[in-house]
Amino acid sequence: MNRSELIENVAARAGSDQAAARRHVDAVFDAIMESVASGERVLVTGFGTFDRFARPARQGRNPRTGSPIEVAAADVPRFRVGQTFKNRVAGGNSATAIAETPAVAAPVETPKAKKSKKAEPKKKDKKAAKAADAAPAKKKGKAKPVKAVKAAKTAKAKKAGK
């Protein structure tokens, strides 16, 4: 669900138009962002807690070169999920979760089941399969010992030098 879909859902549940729902959703988000930015904790019982977290400075690595770099300290927003939200996502509709939902009947879309990644080969596997189909089959036979190969190369080099 994106922001537009959220606004449509709020308008349907509240029984109002989308313009009013957009103002309300924007007002809630702005209030949360302003409070967290000023250092306050926003606690929505059952839903979760928004707060500010001071991430300390640390030493990281440049992924390209592997050289160590200093990552500066920063204040970042953090959200911790409430118990009612956890229960609802886990599928256990508790009595408190049902009591807190509005009694407005609105059609709710159920999320479609995701396809299993195991059923579909990965990109690397697809490329390997194409390469195997396109590449000619290698001749099977006994591999020569390393010493024999080196001796043969040395003999050829001596003949070419004469």
Protein backbone atom coordinates (compact mmCIF):
# COMPACT_ATOMS: atom_id res chain seq x y z
CA MET A 1 0.00 0.00 0.00
CA ASN A 2 1.39 3.39 -0.95
CA ARG A 3 0.38 6.84 0.28
CA SER A 4 -2.42 7.30 -2.28
CA GLU A 5 -3.91 3.90 -1.46
CA LEU A 6 -3.70 4.73 2.25
CA ILE A 7 -5.61 7.97 1.67
CA GLU A 8 -8.29 6.11 -0.32
CA ASN A 9 -8.60 3.53 2.45
CA VAL A 10 -8.88 6.21 5.17
CA ALA A 11 -11.53 8.08 3.14
CA ALA A 12 -13.55 4.86 2.70
CA ARG A 13 -13.32 3.91 6.39
CA ALA A 14 -14.11 7.42 7.66
CA GLY A 15 -16.87 7.99 5.13
CA SER A 16 -15.38 11.25 3.87
CA ASP A 17 -13.95 12.55 0.64
CA GLN A 18 -10.33 11.98 -0.40
CA ALA A 19 -9.31 15.64 0.01
CA ALA A 20 -10.24 15.58 3.70
CA ALA A 21 -8.60 12.19 4.17
CA ARG A 22 -5.41 13.49 2.51
CA ARG A 23 -5.32 16.48 4.91
CA HIS A 24 -5.79 14.16 7.91
CA VAL A 25 -3.14 11.65 6.83
CA ASP A 26 -0.67 14.47 6.07
CA ALA A 27 -1.42 16.07 9.45
CA VAL A 28 -0.71 12.80 11.29
CA PHE A 29 2.57 12.24 9.45
CA ASP A 30 3.67 15.87 9.95
CA ALA A 31 2.88 15.74 13.68
CA ILE A 32 4.88 12.52 14.09
CA MET A 33 7.87 13.86 12.11
CA GLU A 34 7.94 17.19 13.98
CA SER A 35 7.74 15.51 17.38
CA VAL A 36 10.47 12.96 16.63
CA ALA A 37 12.69 15.66 15.07
CA SER A 38 12.42 17.72 18.26
CA GLY A 39 13.44 14.70 20.35
CA GLU A 40 10.03 13.65 21.67
CA ARG A 41 8.76 10.08 21.71
CA VAL A 42 5.43 9.41 19.97
CA LEU A 43 3.63 6.43 21.50
CA VAL A 44 0.55 5.08 19.74
CA THR A 45 -0.74 2.38 22.07
CA GLY A 46 -1.04 -0.95 20.30
CA PHE A 47 0.51 0.37 17.10
CA GLY A 48 4.06 1.31 18.07
CA THR A 49 6.54 3.92 19.19
CA PHE A 50 8.33 6.49 17.06
CA ASP A 51 11.47 7.96 18.59
CA ARG A 52 14.89 9.39 17.86
CA PHE A 53 17.96 7.18 18.14
CA ALA A 54 21.52 8.50 18.44
CA ARG A 55 23.66 6.20 16.30
CA PRO A 56 27.29 6.38 17.51
CA ALA A 57 30.27 6.96 15.23
CA ARG A 58 31.87 3.78 13.97
CA GLN A 59 34.49 2.46 11.63
CA GLY A 60 33.23 0.91 8.39
CA ARG A 61 34.78 -0.36 5.19
CA ASN A 62 34.62 0.95 1.66
CA PRO A 63 33.00 -1.93 -0.22
CA ARG A 64 34.92 -1.20 -3.42
CA THR A 65 38.43 -0.88 -2.01
CA GLY A 66 38.10 -2.51 1.40
CA SER A 67 39.85 0.41 3.07
CA PRO A 68 38.57 1.49 6.51
CA ILE A 69 36.50 4.68 6.69
CA GLU A 70 34.96 6.61 9.57
CA VAL A 71 31.16 6.76 9.64
CA ALA A 72 29.98 9.86 11.51
CA ALA A 73 27.52 9.76 14.40
CA ALA A 74 23.93 10.57 13.44
CA ASP A 75 20.46 10.95 14.90
CA VAL A 76 18.05 8.67 13.06
CA PRO A 77 14.33 7.97 13.42
CA ARG A 78 13.34 4.60 14.85
CA PHE A 79 10.03 2.75 15.00
CA ARG A 80 9.31 -0.10 17.38
CA VAL A 81 6.20 -2.17 16.74
CA GLY A 82 3.50 -2.45 19.42
CA GLN A 83 2.14 -5.76 20.71
CA THR A 84 -1.30 -5.43 19.10
CA PHE A 85 0.30 -4.74 15.72
CA LYS A 86 2.60 -7.77 16.13
CA ASN A 87 -0.35 -10.00 17.00
CA ARG A 88 -2.39 -8.77 14.04
CA VAL A 89 0.46 -9.41 11.59
CA ALA A 90 1.14 -12.83 13.12
CA GLY A 91 -2.48 -13.75 12.40
CA GLY A 92 -3.69 -13.95 15.98
CA ASN A 93 -6.56 -11.45 16.11
CA SER A 94 -6.72 -10.78 19.83
CA ALA A 95 -9.82 -9.38 21.52
CA THR A 96 -8.10 -6.03 22.05
CA ALA A 97 -7.15 -5.81 18.38
CA ILE A 98 -10.73 -6.41 17.29
CA ALA A 99 -12.12 -3.91 19.80
CA GLU A 100 -9.78 -1.16 18.59
CA THR A 101 -10.72 -1.41 14.90
CA PRO A 102 -13.52 0.84 13.63
CA ALA A 103 -16.89 -0.78 13.00
CA VAL A 104 -17.15 0.69 9.47
CA ALA A 105 -17.51 -2.03 6.86
CA ALA A 106 -15.00 -1.49 4.10
CA PRO A 107 -13.73 -3.90 1.49
CA VAL A 108 -10.23 -4.97 2.42
CA GLU A 109 -7.95 -6.45 -0.20
CA THR A 110 -6.00 -9.45 0.94
CA PRO A 111 -2.37 -9.48 -0.19
CA LYS A 112 -1.58 -11.94 -2.95
CA ALA A 113 0.67 -14.81 -2.06
CA LYS A 114 4.21 -14.34 -3.28
CA LYS A 115 5.73 -16.90 -5.59
CA SER A 116 8.34 -19.10 -4.05
CA LYS A 117 11.86 -18.14 -5.06
CA LYS A 118 12.85 -21.79 -5.03
CA ALA A 119 10.42 -22.61 -7.83
CA GLU A 120 11.97 -20.09 -10.19
CA PRO A 121 15.69 -20.32 -11.04
CA LYS A 122 17.82 -17.34 -10.13
CA LYS A 123 19.37 -15.10 -12.76
CA LYS A 124 22.76 -16.71 -12.30
CA ASP A 125 21.20 -20.13 -12.81
CA LYS A 126 19.45 -18.94 -15.98
CA LYS A 127 22.71 -17.56 -17.36
CA ALA A 128 24.56 -20.77 -16.49
CA ALA A 129 21.85 -22.84 -18.19
CA LYS A 130 22.06 -20.71 -21.36
CA ALA A 131 25.85 -20.94 -21.38
CA ALA A 132 25.70 -24.71 -20.95
CA ASP A 133 23.23 -25.03 -23.84
CA ALA A 134 25.29 -22.77 -26.13
CA ALA A 135 28.75 -24.10 -25.25
CA PRO A 136 30.01 -27.19 -27.06
CA ALA A 137 30.48 -30.28 -24.95
CA LYS A 138 34.00 -30.80 -23.64
CA LYS A 139 35.90 -33.87 -24.67
CA LYS A 140 36.14 -36.32 -21.86
CA GLY A 141 39.38 -38.07 -21.37
CA LYS A 142 42.20 -38.50 -18.97
CA ALA A 143 43.94 -35.33 -17.97
CA LYS A 144 47.67 -35.30 -18.54
CA PRO A 145 49.85 -34.97 -15.46
CA VAL A 146 51.28 -31.49 -14.92
CA LYS A 147 54.88 -32.68 -15.34
CA ALA A 148 54.12 -34.24 -18.72
CA VAL A 149 52.48 -31.04 -19.96
CA LYS A 150 55.44 -28.92 -18.85
CA ALA A 151 57.91 -31.34 -20.45
CA ALA A 152 55.99 -31.23 -23.74
CA LYS A 153 55.98 -27.41 -23.74
CA THR A 154 59.69 -27.30 -22.97
CA ALA A 155 60.44 -29.72 -25.83
CA LYS A 156 58.41 -27.63 -28.28
CA ALA A 157 60.21 -24.48 -27.17
CA LYS A 158 63.63 -26.11 -27.71
CA LYS A 159 62.70 -27.26 -31.22
CA ALA A 160 61.41 -23.79 -32.10
CA GLY A 161 64.63 -22.21 -30.81
CA LYS A 162 66.92 -24.33 -33.09
